[in-house]
């Protein structure tokens, strides 16, 4: 049973990585930090609770489950949008949806929030 769980975990992780890389370029945290804040939108597609518990500075939160109703907040379909979640799966779903809506400049933050946090980078947390 443990072997089956391990195989399923690896398969799900692999699927999440395929989803994000199939629809958008991956960008490292270092590359992301070089982009002028006025030339991109940072989109956090995690839940409001996850966002409130800590997020990357300048991130806008639109949970992937609410994206269909709220994507109009992203008015410029050619503006670069850097998308992240906790591990990549929800970011992949969001990127897929936004591509279907005609967004043309979508980028995935490689490693998502988990890697950002692991690297000890700046996080906005409640006081």
C-alpha atoms as a PDB file:
ATOM      1  CA  UNK A   1       0.000   0.000   0.000  1.00  0.00           C
ATOM      2  CA  UNK A   2       2.878   2.400   0.793  1.00  0.00           C
ATOM      3  CA  UNK A   3       4.405   1.710  -2.605  1.00  0.00           C
ATOM      4  CA  UNK A   4       1.135   2.575  -4.336  1.00  0.00           C
ATOM      5  CA  UNK A   5       0.850   5.832  -2.368  1.00  0.00           C
ATOM      6  CA  UNK A   6       4.438   6.722  -3.250  1.00  0.00           C
ATOM      7  CA  UNK A   7       3.841   6.016  -6.939  1.00  0.00           C
ATOM      8  CA  UNK A   8       0.654   8.085  -6.920  1.00  0.00           C
ATOM      9  CA  UNK A   9       2.443  10.975  -5.188  1.00  0.00           C
ATOM     10  CA  UNK A  10       5.211  10.958  -7.778  1.00  0.00           C
ATOM     11  CA  UNK A  11       2.667  10.728 -10.601  1.00  0.00           C
ATOM     12  CA  UNK A  12       0.667  13.675  -9.243  1.00  0.00           C
ATOM     13  CA  UNK A  13       3.792  15.780  -8.811  1.00  0.00           C
ATOM     14  CA  UNK A  14       4.877  14.913 -12.335  1.00  0.00           C
ATOM     15  CA  UNK A  15       1.448  15.830 -13.669  1.00  0.00           C
ATOM     16  CA  UNK A  16       1.582  19.185 -11.870  1.00  0.00           C
ATOM     17  CA  UNK A  17       4.974  19.922 -13.387  1.00  0.00           C
ATOM     18  CA  UNK A  18       3.774  18.941 -16.853  1.00  0.00           C
ATOM     19  CA  UNK A  19       0.676  21.095 -16.538  1.00  0.00           C
ATOM     20  CA  UNK A  20       2.597  24.238 -15.664  1.00  0.00           C
ATOM     21  CA  UNK A  21       5.448  23.751 -18.105  1.00  0.00           C
ATOM     22  CA  UNK A  22       3.179  22.766 -20.996  1.00  0.00           C
ATOM     23  CA  UNK A  23       1.326  26.087 -21.031  1.00  0.00           C
ATOM     24  CA  UNK A  24       3.817  28.684 -19.863  1.00  0.00           C
ATOM     25  CA  UNK A  25       7.500  29.345 -19.513  1.00  0.00           C
ATOM     26  CA  UNK A  26       8.937  28.662 -16.072  1.00  0.00           C
ATOM     27  CA  UNK A  27      10.804  31.575 -14.541  1.00  0.00           C
ATOM     28  CA  UNK A  28      13.156  31.318 -11.564  1.00  0.00           C
ATOM     29  CA  UNK A  29      12.789  33.495  -8.490  1.00  0.00           C
ATOM     30  CA  UNK A  30      15.968  35.340  -9.456  1.00  0.00           C
ATOM     31  CA  UNK A  31      14.641  36.023 -12.965  1.00  0.00           C
ATOM     32  CA  UNK A  32      11.316  37.133 -11.510  1.00  0.00           C
ATOM     33  CA  UNK A  33      12.979  39.643  -9.199  1.00  0.00           C
ATOM     34  CA  UNK A  34      14.698  41.284 -12.182  1.00  0.00           C
ATOM     35  CA  UNK A  35      11.355  42.163 -13.817  1.00  0.00           C
ATOM     36  CA  UNK A  36      10.208  45.734 -13.178  1.00  0.00           C
ATOM     37  CA  UNK A  37       7.082  45.649 -10.972  1.00  0.00           C
ATOM     38  CA  UNK A  38       5.279  47.979 -13.377  1.00  0.00           C
ATOM     39  CA  UNK A  39       5.765  45.530 -16.247  1.00  0.00           C
ATOM     40  CA  UNK A  40       4.143  42.463 -14.701  1.00  0.00           C
ATOM     41  CA  UNK A  41       1.344  41.213 -12.510  1.00  0.00           C
ATOM     42  CA  UNK A  42       2.100  38.609  -9.863  1.00  0.00           C
ATOM     43  CA  UNK A  43      -0.909  36.341  -9.489  1.00  0.00           C
ATOM     44  CA  UNK A  44      -1.308  34.095  -6.440  1.00  0.00           C
ATOM     45  CA  UNK A  45      -4.016  31.508  -7.165  1.00  0.00           C
ATOM     46  CA  UNK A  46      -4.046  29.920  -3.688  1.00  0.00           C
ATOM     47  CA  UNK A  47      -6.959  30.224  -1.279  1.00  0.00           C
ATOM     48  CA  UNK A  48      -7.569  33.486   0.589  1.00  0.00           C
ATOM     49  CA  UNK A  49      -6.440  31.778   3.818  1.00  0.00           C
ATOM     50  CA  UNK A  50      -3.171  30.611   2.264  1.00  0.00           C
ATOM     51  CA  UNK A  51      -2.624  34.109   0.874  1.00  0.00           C
ATOM     52  CA  UNK A  52      -3.382  35.728   4.244  1.00  0.00           C
ATOM     53  CA  UNK A  53      -0.973  33.353   6.000  1.00  0.00           C
ATOM     54  CA  UNK A  54       1.849  34.598   3.792  1.00  0.00           C
ATOM     55  CA  UNK A  55       2.420  35.656   0.196  1.00  0.00           C
ATOM     56  CA  UNK A  56       5.059  37.062  -2.101  1.00  0.00           C
ATOM     57  CA  UNK A  57       5.215  40.891  -2.029  1.00  0.00           C
ATOM     58  CA  UNK A  58       3.113  42.619  -4.725  1.00  0.00           C
ATOM     59  CA  UNK A  59       1.005  39.491  -5.324  1.00  0.00           C
ATOM     60  CA  UNK A  60      -2.658  39.812  -6.247  1.00  0.00           C
ATOM     61  CA  UNK A  61      -4.843  36.970  -4.951  1.00  0.00           C
ATOM     62  CA  UNK A  62      -7.440  35.404  -7.204  1.00  0.00           C
ATOM     63  CA  UNK A  63      -8.045  31.805  -6.098  1.00  0.00           C
ATOM     64  CA  UNK A  64      -8.060  29.385  -9.005  1.00  0.00           C
ATOM     65  CA  UNK A  65     -11.623  28.377  -8.111  1.00  0.00           C
ATOM     66  CA  UNK A  66     -12.764  31.999  -8.478  1.00  0.00           C
ATOM     67  CA  UNK A  67     -10.757  32.816 -11.573  1.00  0.00           C
ATOM     68  CA  UNK A  68     -13.646  32.329 -13.989  1.00  0.00           C
ATOM     69  CA  UNK A  69     -15.665  35.025 -12.180  1.00  0.00           C
ATOM     70  CA  UNK A  70     -12.765  37.388 -11.408  1.00  0.00           C
ATOM     71  CA  UNK A  71     -10.300  37.217 -14.314  1.00  0.00           C
ATOM     72  CA  UNK A  72     -11.618  40.529 -15.657  1.00  0.00           C
ATOM     73  CA  UNK A  73      -9.448  42.177 -12.962  1.00  0.00           C
ATOM     74  CA  UNK A  74      -6.591  41.244 -15.298  1.00  0.00           C
ATOM     75  CA  UNK A  75      -7.646  43.703 -17.983  1.00  0.00           C
ATOM     76  CA  UNK A  76      -4.550  43.779 -20.218  1.00  0.00           C
ATOM     77  CA  UNK A  77      -4.336  40.430 -21.982  1.00  0.00           C
ATOM     78  CA  UNK A  78      -0.813  41.196 -23.236  1.00  0.00           C
ATOM     79  CA  UNK A  79       0.677  42.219 -19.859  1.00  0.00           C
ATOM     80  CA  UNK A  80       3.065  39.695 -18.373  1.00  0.00           C
ATOM     81  CA  UNK A  81       1.336  37.673 -15.660  1.00  0.00           C
ATOM     82  CA  UNK A  82       3.524  35.570 -13.362  1.00  0.00           C
ATOM     83  CA  UNK A  83       1.398  32.845 -11.769  1.00  0.00           C
ATOM     84  CA  UNK A  84       2.112  30.795  -8.651  1.00  0.00           C
ATOM     85  CA  UNK A  85       0.377  28.600  -6.097  1.00  0.00           C
ATOM     86  CA  UNK A  86       1.785  26.312  -3.410  1.00  0.00           C
ATOM     87  CA  UNK A  87       3.269  23.582  -5.576  1.00  0.00           C
ATOM     88  CA  UNK A  88       2.307  24.140  -9.227  1.00  0.00           C
ATOM     89  CA  UNK A  89      -0.932  22.265  -9.869  1.00  0.00           C
ATOM     90  CA  UNK A  90      -3.352  25.167  -9.359  1.00  0.00           C
ATOM     91  CA  UNK A  91      -1.010  27.522 -11.203  1.00  0.00           C
ATOM     92  CA  UNK A  92      -1.158  25.162 -14.178  1.00  0.00           C
ATOM     93  CA  UNK A  93      -4.954  25.164 -14.107  1.00  0.00           C
ATOM     94  CA  UNK A  94      -4.995  28.965 -13.896  1.00  0.00           C
ATOM     95  CA  UNK A  95      -2.533  29.343 -16.778  1.00  0.00           C
ATOM     96  CA  UNK A  96      -4.590  26.971 -18.910  1.00  0.00           C
ATOM     97  CA  UNK A  97      -7.780  28.938 -18.187  1.00  0.00           C
ATOM     98  CA  UNK A  98      -6.167  32.324 -18.866  1.00  0.00           C
ATOM     99  CA  UNK A  99      -4.697  31.067 -22.160  1.00  0.00           C
ATOM    100  CA  UNK A 100      -8.202  29.981 -23.179  1.00  0.00           C
ATOM    101  CA  UNK A 101      -9.399  33.537 -22.417  1.00  0.00           C
ATOM    102  CA  UNK A 102      -6.783  35.017 -24.749  1.00  0.00           C
ATOM    103  CA  UNK A 103      -4.003  36.037 -22.343  1.00  0.00           C
ATOM    104  CA  UNK A 104      -0.728  35.940 -24.246  1.00  0.00           C
ATOM    105  CA  UNK A 105       2.107  36.578 -21.794  1.00  0.00           C
ATOM    106  CA  UNK A 106       1.792  34.002 -19.023  1.00  0.00           C
ATOM    107  CA  UNK A 107       4.751  32.845 -16.958  1.00  0.00           C
ATOM    108  CA  UNK A 108       4.934  30.298 -14.139  1.00  0.00           C
ATOM    109  CA  UNK A 109       7.075  31.004 -11.059  1.00  0.00           C
ATOM    110  CA  UNK A 110       9.252  27.909 -10.885  1.00  0.00           C
ATOM    111  CA  UNK A 111       8.946  26.179  -7.506  1.00  0.00           C
ATOM    112  CA  UNK A 112       5.926  28.282  -6.594  1.00  0.00           C
ATOM    113  CA  UNK A 113       5.410  29.589  -3.053  1.00  0.00           C
ATOM    114  CA  UNK A 114       6.899  26.493  -1.442  1.00  0.00           C
ATOM    115  CA  UNK A 115      10.285  27.019  -3.053  1.00  0.00           C
ATOM    116  CA  UNK A 116      10.154  30.799  -2.518  1.00  0.00           C
ATOM    117  CA  UNK A 117       9.617  30.217   1.196  1.00  0.00           C
ATOM    118  CA  UNK A 118      12.244  27.455   1.359  1.00  0.00           C
ATOM    119  CA  UNK A 119      14.811  29.849  -0.129  1.00  0.00           C
ATOM    120  CA  UNK A 120      14.105  32.325   2.676  1.00  0.00           C
ATOM    121  CA  UNK A 121      12.879  35.051   0.347  1.00  0.00           C
ATOM    122  CA  UNK A 122      10.702  37.941   1.504  1.00  0.00           C
ATOM    123  CA  UNK A 123       7.140  37.016   2.443  1.00  0.00           C
ATOM    124  CA  UNK A 124       4.305  39.313   3.480  1.00  0.00           C
ATOM    125  CA  UNK A 125       2.802  37.857   6.670  1.00  0.00           C
ATOM    126  CA  UNK A 126       0.106  39.118   9.034  1.00  0.00           C
ATOM    127  CA  UNK A 127       1.423  40.973  12.044  1.00  0.00           C
END
